[in-house]
Each structure stands twice: as structure tokens, then as C-alpha cells.
Amino acid sequence: MPQPDYLQLLDQLYDGLYFVDDHRKITFWNRTAEQITGFSADEVIGSHCYNNILNHIDAEGNSLCENRCPLARAMEDGTAIEAEVYLRHKQGHRIPVAVRIRPLLNEAGRVLGGTELFQDLSKKTGVLLQLDELRQLALVDGLTGLANRSYFEREIEGHLQERVRYDWSFGLLFVDIDNFKQVNDLYGHEVGDRVLQMVASNLKHICRPFDVFGRWGGARSLSAWCVMSKSRN
């Protein structure tokens, strides 16, 4: 039997979508839901969401299908719910998804069922994590969390170009920790690292929006410099 036109349209959605009745029995499962989860409509329709097919869990690993189901809560309260959770693919791996849940109400306000629209976040999450990791490796000193030498060299070049083009002045200050080598020699590099982290923490807290602090020195030294942009009238 052919699907009604509106169901064919729902099959073309970019997001996964399924409907449940007032007993949380799944009555519709679109094509994108099949692609995201690996479960076909024939495998899912007629079962109940509390059968734990997708085994939804939250970021802390708590199971949601059995006792804290957002879909059940939305139907009980008659309110919409949005969340980011994980579902289990048919092959067993976890997939992060953004879910938007709505109760289905009749004209009298009685709950007839519910809908869950879910978007696959795995590619987006993976790309963002990779970009953030690359950014950290390229621009941030791993020990102190301050800008690294590579970042500072870019900043200096940018400020020098602004100086030539717009006559914008800036200040550049190099600072070393007095007798830092003696700290390493007497107490060890672990204590030296803690000193560097303490200094870095202080610099972070006194940094103004137009200042830049960072680590310029070698593996066991810290030099910080400040770029201070003056009036650009």
C-alpha cells in the first residue's frame, strides 16, 4: 500500500524522525532514521520505544529508555523537550544525536502520542574536536595554556603591518622569571612546571581584552610579552 504524500515528504527529511502512539508504540520511522540508526522501518515499527532498541543514554552514561525517557516525559507533561544524547547503532557503536521531542495533542489537548526528530552529530562533533585539537597544538602552549611562540610571531607580524599601514603603536614586553634555573636544579622540573603554571594563571587573570600574554621561552623557561594597542584616532 503506497504511503500518503505527507509521509513520503517526511521520508525526505535530513533528520531522523519517528512517531509513537499514546502507548509509546512506534508507528512511523522515516528513511533518515534508518540511515542514522541502521534499523529498518520493518524492524522497528510495532515495537515500543521502551523496548530499548536504541538504548538512549545521556553524556554521563545514564540509560534514558527505561526510567528517564525524554519522550515519555514530554507526553506526560505535554511539553517539548530538546537534548543531546547518544543512541546505539544496529552495529553496536554509539552515535551522538540532537533530539527534539514534541507531544502530539488532539483539539481537546489530550495526548495522542509523540514525535522525536533527531540529528546525527557524529560528523560535526568529530570535525569540531579535530579542529580544536589542531588549534590547540598550533597556537597554545601545552604546559601553561598561554599562547605559544608560533602564535606570538603571527601577532607581532600583524601589529607591525598595522604600524606601517595605520601608524598604530603597540608595546612589546619580554619578562623572565628570576633564578628560575635554580628552582629546577634544587626542587626538580615538576616543581618548576608548577611555578610556570602559577605564573601563567596570574597572567591570565590580569590580562585585559587588548593584551596578549604567552610563553616565548624554551622547554623549562617562561617569557611573557604583552601587546598593548593604543588609541587609533
C-alpha atoms as a PDB file:
ATOM      1  CA  MET A   1       0.000   0.000   0.000  1.00  0.00           C
ATOM      2  CA  PRO A   2       1.547   3.357  -1.025  1.00  0.00           C
ATOM      3  CA  GLN A   3       2.339   5.924   1.663  1.00  0.00           C
ATOM      4  CA  PRO A   4       0.318   9.145   1.885  1.00  0.00           C
ATOM      5  CA  ASP A   5       2.024  12.149   0.324  1.00  0.00           C
ATOM      6  CA  TYR A   6       2.912  13.707   3.680  1.00  0.00           C
ATOM      7  CA  LEU A   7       4.690  10.539   4.833  1.00  0.00           C
ATOM      8  CA  GLN A   8       6.681  10.449   1.605  1.00  0.00           C
ATOM      9  CA  LEU A   9       7.694  14.035   2.314  1.00  0.00           C
ATOM     10  CA  LEU A  10       8.774  13.119   5.857  1.00  0.00           C
ATOM     11  CA  ASP A  11      10.921  10.368   4.364  1.00  0.00           C
ATOM     12  CA  GLN A  12      12.963  13.056   2.600  1.00  0.00           C
ATOM     13  CA  LEU A  13      13.855  14.955   5.775  1.00  0.00           C
ATOM     14  CA  TYR A  14      17.532  15.478   6.526  1.00  0.00           C
ATOM     15  CA  ASP A  15      16.885  14.406  10.152  1.00  0.00           C
ATOM     16  CA  GLY A  16      15.644  11.115  11.522  1.00  0.00           C
ATOM     17  CA  LEU A  17      12.002  11.108  12.609  1.00  0.00           C
ATOM     18  CA  TYR A  18       9.674   8.664  14.297  1.00  0.00           C
ATOM     19  CA  PHE A  19       6.155   8.754  15.743  1.00  0.00           C
ATOM     20  CA  VAL A  20       4.744   6.865  18.714  1.00  0.00           C
ATOM     21  CA  ASP A  21       1.141   6.435  19.875  1.00  0.00           C
ATOM     22  CA  ASP A  22      -0.093   7.089  23.400  1.00  0.00           C
ATOM     23  CA  HIS A  23       1.345   3.707  24.487  1.00  0.00           C
ATOM     24  CA  ARG A  24       4.734   4.667  23.029  1.00  0.00           C
ATOM     25  CA  LYS A  25       4.401   2.140  20.231  1.00  0.00           C
ATOM     26  CA  ILE A  26       6.380   3.227  17.174  1.00  0.00           C
ATOM     27  CA  THR A  27       4.050   3.886  14.242  1.00  0.00           C
ATOM     28  CA  PHE A  28       6.355   5.662  11.772  1.00  0.00           C
ATOM     29  CA  TRP A  29      10.103   5.509  11.116  1.00  0.00           C
ATOM     30  CA  ASN A  30      11.463   7.617   8.272  1.00  0.00           C
ATOM     31  CA  ARG A  31      14.237   6.761   5.844  1.00  0.00           C
ATOM     32  CA  THR A  32      16.797   9.015   7.507  1.00  0.00           C
ATOM     33  CA  ALA A  33      16.143   7.275  10.815  1.00  0.00           C
ATOM     34  CA  GLU A  34      17.021   4.037   9.033  1.00  0.00           C
ATOM     35  CA  GLN A  35      20.260   5.547   7.721  1.00  0.00           C
ATOM     36  CA  ILE A  36      21.335   7.021  11.071  1.00  0.00           C
ATOM     37  CA  THR A  37      20.498   4.003  13.242  1.00  0.00           C
ATOM     38  CA  GLY A  38      20.926   1.066  10.868  1.00  0.00           C
ATOM     39  CA  PHE A  39      17.458  -0.231  11.858  1.00  0.00           C
ATOM     40  CA  SER A  40      14.906  -0.515   9.058  1.00  0.00           C
ATOM     41  CA  ALA A  41      11.311   0.586   9.476  1.00  0.00           C
ATOM     42  CA  ASP A  42      10.195  -3.058   9.309  1.00  0.00           C
ATOM     43  CA  GLU A  43      12.450  -3.886  12.279  1.00  0.00           C
ATOM     44  CA  VAL A  44      11.180  -1.023  14.416  1.00  0.00           C
ATOM     45  CA  ILE A  45       7.531  -0.237  13.619  1.00  0.00           C
ATOM     46  CA  GLY A  46       5.199  -2.031  16.009  1.00  0.00           C
ATOM     47  CA  SER A  47       7.740  -2.180  18.821  1.00  0.00           C
ATOM     48  CA  HIS A  48       7.761   0.240  21.745  1.00  0.00           C
ATOM     49  CA  CYS A  49      10.417   2.834  22.464  1.00  0.00           C
ATOM     50  CA  TYR A  50      10.820   1.360  25.967  1.00  0.00           C
ATOM     51  CA  ASN A  51      11.929  -1.920  24.350  1.00  0.00           C
ATOM     52  CA  ASN A  52      15.300  -0.132  24.394  1.00  0.00           C
ATOM     53  CA  ILE A  53      16.074  -0.689  20.734  1.00  0.00           C
ATOM     54  CA  LEU A  54      18.132   2.485  20.521  1.00  0.00           C
ATOM     55  CA  ASN A  55      19.356   2.338  24.112  1.00  0.00           C
ATOM     56  CA  HIS A  56      19.460   6.111  24.541  1.00  0.00           C
ATOM     57  CA  ILE A  57      21.969   7.324  27.140  1.00  0.00           C
ATOM     58  CA  ASP A  58      22.994  10.789  28.294  1.00  0.00           C
ATOM     59  CA  ALA A  59      26.523  12.230  28.453  1.00  0.00           C
ATOM     60  CA  GLU A  60      27.065  10.620  31.877  1.00  0.00           C
ATOM     61  CA  GLY A  61      26.123   7.172  30.563  1.00  0.00           C
ATOM     62  CA  ASN A  62      22.714   7.012  32.283  1.00  0.00           C
ATOM     63  CA  SER A  63      20.118   4.913  30.460  1.00  0.00           C
ATOM     64  CA  LEU A  64      17.158   7.017  29.314  1.00  0.00           C
ATOM     65  CA  CYS A  65      14.854   4.479  27.678  1.00  0.00           C
ATOM     66  CA  GLU A  66      13.904   2.553  30.800  1.00  0.00           C
ATOM     67  CA  ASN A  67      13.328   5.098  33.542  1.00  0.00           C
ATOM     68  CA  ARG A  68      14.118   8.665  32.385  1.00  0.00           C
ATOM     69  CA  CYS A  69      12.760   8.653  28.847  1.00  0.00           C
ATOM     70  CA  PRO A  70      12.500  12.225  27.469  1.00  0.00           C
ATOM     71  CA  LEU A  71       9.739  11.121  25.085  1.00  0.00           C
ATOM     72  CA  ALA A  72       7.656   9.722  27.936  1.00  0.00           C
ATOM     73  CA  ARG A  73       8.232  12.879  29.950  1.00  0.00           C
ATOM     74  CA  ALA A  74       7.170  15.109  27.070  1.00  0.00           C
ATOM     75  CA  MET A  75       3.962  13.112  26.654  1.00  0.00           C
ATOM     76  CA  GLU A  76       3.209  13.159  30.384  1.00  0.00           C
ATOM     77  CA  ASP A  77       3.843  16.898  30.764  1.00  0.00           C
ATOM     78  CA  GLY A  78       2.553  17.962  27.343  1.00  0.00           C
ATOM     79  CA  THR A  79       5.730  19.972  26.761  1.00  0.00           C
ATOM     80  CA  ALA A  80       8.514  19.974  24.188  1.00  0.00           C
ATOM     81  CA  ILE A  81      11.993  18.748  25.117  1.00  0.00           C
ATOM     82  CA  GLU A  82      15.340  19.241  23.409  1.00  0.00           C
ATOM     83  CA  ALA A  83      18.531  17.447  24.392  1.00  0.00           C
ATOM     84  CA  GLU A  84      21.787  15.984  23.147  1.00  0.00           C
ATOM     85  CA  VAL A  85      22.043  12.257  23.836  1.00  0.00           C
ATOM     86  CA  TYR A  86      23.584   9.102  22.394  1.00  0.00           C
ATOM     87  CA  LEU A  87      21.813   6.243  20.645  1.00  0.00           C
ATOM     88  CA  ARG A  88      23.039   2.779  19.803  1.00  0.00           C
ATOM     89  CA  HIS A  89      23.519   1.931  16.136  1.00  0.00           C
ATOM     90  CA  LYS A  90      22.440  -1.512  14.988  1.00  0.00           C
ATOM     91  CA  GLN A  91      26.128  -2.440  14.639  1.00  0.00           C
ATOM     92  CA  GLY A  92      26.706  -1.570  18.299  1.00  0.00           C
ATOM     93  CA  HIS A  93      28.549   1.754  18.253  1.00  0.00           C
ATOM     94  CA  ARG A  94      27.287   4.973  19.837  1.00  0.00           C
ATOM     95  CA  ILE A  95      26.116   7.974  17.814  1.00  0.00           C
ATOM     96  CA  PRO A  96      25.696  11.468  19.321  1.00  0.00           C
ATOM     97  CA  VAL A  97      22.361  13.000  18.313  1.00  0.00           C
ATOM     98  CA  ALA A  98      20.445  16.187  18.985  1.00  0.00           C
ATOM     99  CA  VAL A  99      16.820  15.264  19.708  1.00  0.00           C
ATOM    100  CA  ARG A 100      13.710  17.441  19.555  1.00  0.00           C
ATOM    101  CA  ILE A 101      10.668  15.834  21.094  1.00  0.00           C
ATOM    102  CA  ARG A 102       7.071  17.020  20.827  1.00  0.00           C
ATOM    103  CA  PRO A 103       3.841  15.547  22.206  1.00  0.00           C
ATOM    104  CA  LEU A 104       1.009  15.034  19.708  1.00  0.00           C
ATOM    105  CA  LEU A 105      -2.228  16.543  21.031  1.00  0.00           C
ATOM    106  CA  ASN A 106      -5.802  16.493  19.741  1.00  0.00           C
ATOM    107  CA  GLU A 107      -8.035  19.567  19.696  1.00  0.00           C
ATOM    108  CA  ALA A 108      -9.079  18.923  23.287  1.00  0.00           C
ATOM    109  CA  GLY A 109      -5.463  18.831  24.421  1.00  0.00           C
ATOM    110  CA  ARG A 110      -5.384  15.078  25.014  1.00  0.00           C
ATOM    111  CA  VAL A 111      -2.057  13.420  24.262  1.00  0.00           C
ATOM    112  CA  LEU A 112      -2.336  11.087  21.295  1.00  0.00           C
ATOM    113  CA  GLY A 113       1.344  10.242  21.038  1.00  0.00           C
ATOM    114  CA  GLY A 114       4.670  11.910  20.398  1.00  0.00           C
ATOM    115  CA  THR A 115       7.341  12.624  17.820  1.00  0.00           C
ATOM    116  CA  GLU A 116      11.121  12.549  18.037  1.00  0.00           C
ATOM    117  CA  LEU A 117      13.262  14.332  15.471  1.00  0.00           C
ATOM    118  CA  PHE A 118      16.967  13.516  15.781  1.00  0.00           C
ATOM    119  CA  GLN A 119      20.049  14.865  14.025  1.00  0.00           C
ATOM    120  CA  ASP A 120      23.307  12.953  13.693  1.00  0.00           C
ATOM    121  CA  LEU A 121      26.092  14.964  15.367  1.00  0.00           C
ATOM    122  CA  SER A 122      28.914  12.466  14.862  1.00  0.00           C
ATOM    123  CA  LYS A 123      30.497  14.132  11.838  1.00  0.00           C
ATOM    124  CA  LYS A 124      30.044  17.610  13.233  1.00  0.00           C
ATOM    125  CA  THR A 125      31.388  16.619  16.633  1.00  0.00           C
ATOM    126  CA  GLY A 126      34.377  14.820  15.139  1.00  0.00           C
ATOM    127  CA  VAL A 127      35.325  17.742  12.909  1.00  0.00           C
ATOM    128  CA  LEU A 128      34.990  20.269  15.724  1.00  0.00           C
ATOM    129  CA  LEU A 129      37.120  18.151  18.046  1.00  0.00           C
ATOM    130  CA  GLN A 130      39.787  17.761  15.383  1.00  0.00           C
ATOM    131  CA  LEU A 131      39.799  21.483  14.613  1.00  0.00           C
ATOM    132  CA  ASP A 132      40.005  22.349  18.300  1.00  0.00           C
ATOM    133  CA  GLU A 133      42.852  19.890  18.800  1.00  0.00           C
ATOM    134  CA  LEU A 134      44.743  21.307  15.813  1.00  0.00           C
ATOM    135  CA  ARG A 135      44.156  24.837  17.058  1.00  0.00           C
ATOM    136  CA  GLN A 136      45.467  23.895  20.487  1.00  0.00           C
ATOM    137  CA  LEU A 137      48.560  22.233  19.027  1.00  0.00           C
ATOM    138  CA  ALA A 138      49.251  25.157  16.715  1.00  0.00           C
ATOM    139  CA  LEU A 139      48.578  28.127  18.979  1.00  0.00           C
ATOM    140  CA  VAL A 140      48.604  27.119  22.653  1.00  0.00           C
ATOM    141  CA  ASP A 141      51.458  26.114  24.919  1.00  0.00           C
ATOM    142  CA  GLY A 142      50.597  22.713  26.363  1.00  0.00           C
ATOM    143  CA  LEU A 143      52.010  23.295  29.845  1.00  0.00           C
ATOM    144  CA  THR A 144      50.737  26.779  30.642  1.00  0.00           C
ATOM    145  CA  GLY A 145      47.689  27.149  28.412  1.00  0.00           C
ATOM    146  CA  LEU A 146      49.024  30.503  27.204  1.00  0.00           C
ATOM    147  CA  ALA A 147      49.654  31.461  23.589  1.00  0.00           C
ATOM    148  CA  ASN A 148      52.795  29.805  22.228  1.00  0.00           C
ATOM    149  CA  ARG A 149      55.709  31.284  20.295  1.00  0.00           C
ATOM    150  CA  SER A 150      54.145  30.492  16.915  1.00  0.00           C
ATOM    151  CA  TYR A 151      51.035  32.468  17.844  1.00  0.00           C
ATOM    152  CA  PHE A 152      53.113  35.383  19.122  1.00  0.00           C
ATOM    153  CA  GLU A 153      55.166  35.574  15.949  1.00  0.00           C
ATOM    154  CA  ARG A 154      51.924  35.908  13.976  1.00  0.00           C
ATOM    155  CA  GLU A 155      50.692  38.586  16.383  1.00  0.00           C
ATOM    156  CA  ILE A 156      53.947  40.549  16.089  1.00  0.00           C
ATOM    157  CA  GLU A 157      53.807  40.414  12.312  1.00  0.00           C
ATOM    158  CA  GLY A 158      50.191  41.615  12.331  1.00  0.00           C
ATOM    159  CA  HIS A 159      50.957  44.515  14.667  1.00  0.00           C
ATOM    160  CA  LEU A 160      53.993  45.545  12.631  1.00  0.00           C
ATOM    161  CA  GLN A 161      51.851  45.667   9.499  1.00  0.00           C
ATOM    162  CA  GLU A 162      49.264  47.797  11.341  1.00  0.00           C
ATOM    163  CA  ARG A 163      52.083  50.085  12.481  1.00  0.00           C
ATOM    164  CA  VAL A 164      53.216  50.636   8.885  1.00  0.00           C
ATOM    165  CA  ARG A 165      49.751  50.978   7.372  1.00  0.00           C
ATOM    166  CA  TYR A 166      47.819  52.871  10.054  1.00  0.00           C
ATOM    167  CA  ASP A 167      50.574  54.189  12.357  1.00  0.00           C
ATOM    168  CA  TRP A 168      49.038  52.260  15.268  1.00  0.00           C
ATOM    169  CA  SER A 169      51.603  51.922  18.035  1.00  0.00           C
ATOM    170  CA  PHE A 170      51.945  48.994  20.390  1.00  0.00           C
ATOM    171  CA  GLY A 171      54.123  47.945  23.284  1.00  0.00           C
ATOM    172  CA  LEU A 172      56.149  44.753  23.444  1.00  0.00           C
ATOM    173  CA  LEU A 173      57.473  43.487  26.784  1.00  0.00           C
ATOM    174  CA  PHE A 174      59.605  40.407  27.486  1.00  0.00           C
ATOM    175  CA  VAL A 175      59.668  39.134  31.077  1.00  0.00           C
ATOM    176  CA  ASP A 176      61.727  36.315  32.605  1.00  0.00           C
ATOM    177  CA  ILE A 177      61.382  34.588  35.966  1.00  0.00           C
ATOM    178  CA  ASP A 178      64.357  35.435  38.184  1.00  0.00           C
ATOM    179  CA  ASN A 179      66.546  32.490  39.203  1.00  0.00           C
ATOM    180  CA  PHE A 180      64.205  30.004  37.551  1.00  0.00           C
ATOM    181  CA  LYS A 181      67.075  27.621  36.736  1.00  0.00           C
ATOM    182  CA  GLN A 182      67.827  27.328  40.447  1.00  0.00           C
ATOM    183  CA  VAL A 183      64.221  26.291  41.105  1.00  0.00           C
ATOM    184  CA  ASN A 184      64.585  23.440  38.620  1.00  0.00           C
ATOM    185  CA  ASP A 185      68.013  22.431  39.957  1.00  0.00           C
ATOM    186  CA  LEU A 186      67.010  22.487  43.635  1.00  0.00           C
ATOM    187  CA  TYR A 187      63.438  21.177  43.515  1.00  0.00           C
ATOM    188  CA  GLY A 188      63.161  19.381  40.186  1.00  0.00           C
ATOM    189  CA  HIS A 189      61.349  20.043  36.948  1.00  0.00           C
ATOM    190  CA  GLU A 190      57.951  19.005  38.332  1.00  0.00           C
ATOM    191  CA  VAL A 191      58.065  21.871  40.822  1.00  0.00           C
ATOM    192  CA  GLY A 192      59.392  24.119  38.060  1.00  0.00           C
ATOM    193  CA  ASP A 193      56.394  23.240  35.921  1.00  0.00           C
ATOM    194  CA  ARG A 194      54.074  24.150  38.773  1.00  0.00           C
ATOM    195  CA  VAL A 195      55.808  27.533  39.066  1.00  0.00           C
ATOM    196  CA  LEU A 196      55.289  28.136  35.347  1.00  0.00           C
ATOM    197  CA  GLN A 197      51.617  27.206  35.650  1.00  0.00           C
ATOM    198  CA  MET A 198      51.166  29.512  38.659  1.00  0.00           C
ATOM    199  CA  VAL A 199      52.726  32.448  36.783  1.00  0.00           C
ATOM    200  CA  ALA A 200      50.607  31.671  33.724  1.00  0.00           C
ATOM    201  CA  SER A 201      47.460  31.615  35.877  1.00  0.00           C
ATOM    202  CA  ASN A 202      48.306  35.043  37.283  1.00  0.00           C
ATOM    203  CA  LEU A 203      48.917  36.428  33.792  1.00  0.00           C
ATOM    204  CA  LYS A 204      45.568  35.093  32.590  1.00  0.00           C
ATOM    205  CA  HIS A 205      43.759  36.876  35.409  1.00  0.00           C
ATOM    206  CA  ILE A 206      45.379  40.268  34.835  1.00  0.00           C
ATOM    207  CA  CYS A 207      45.164  40.189  31.043  1.00  0.00           C
ATOM    208  CA  ARG A 208      42.985  42.915  29.538  1.00  0.00           C
ATOM    209  CA  PRO A 209      40.940  42.265  26.355  1.00  0.00           C
ATOM    210  CA  PHE A 210      43.521  44.065  24.205  1.00  0.00           C
ATOM    211  CA  ASP A 211      46.576  42.416  25.846  1.00  0.00           C
ATOM    212  CA  VAL A 212      48.201  39.193  24.738  1.00  0.00           C
ATOM    213  CA  PHE A 213      50.236  37.075  27.153  1.00  0.00           C
ATOM    214  CA  GLY A 214      52.129  33.994  26.161  1.00  0.00           C
ATOM    215  CA  ARG A 215      55.105  31.702  26.594  1.00  0.00           C
ATOM    216  CA  TRP A 216      58.090  32.549  24.423  1.00  0.00           C
ATOM    217  CA  GLY A 217      60.964  30.621  26.045  1.00  0.00           C
ATOM    218  CA  GLY A 218      62.227  27.078  25.833  1.00  0.00           C
ATOM    219  CA  ALA A 219      61.041  23.879  27.421  1.00  0.00           C
ATOM    220  CA  ARG A 220      61.806  24.934  31.011  1.00  0.00           C
ATOM    221  CA  SER A 221      61.551  28.717  30.894  1.00  0.00           C
ATOM    222  CA  LEU A 222      58.736  31.210  30.638  1.00  0.00           C
ATOM    223  CA  SER A 223      58.873  34.570  28.926  1.00  0.00           C
ATOM    224  CA  ALA A 224      55.655  36.525  28.634  1.00  0.00           C
ATOM    225  CA  TRP A 225      55.032  39.553  26.475  1.00  0.00           C
ATOM    226  CA  CYS A 226      52.199  41.987  26.243  1.00  0.00           C
ATOM    227  CA  VAL A 227      50.850  43.679  23.133  1.00  0.00           C
ATOM    228  CA  MET A 228      49.074  46.892  24.133  1.00  0.00           C
ATOM    229  CA  SER A 229      47.201  48.682  21.379  1.00  0.00           C
ATOM    230  CA  LYS A 230      46.979  52.430  21.873  1.00  0.00           C
ATOM    231  CA  SER A 231      44.409  54.901  20.627  1.00  0.00           C
ATOM    232  CA  ARG A 232      43.621  54.525  16.936  1.00  0.00           C
ATOM    233  CA  ASN A 233      42.350  58.045  16.323  1.00  0.00           C
END
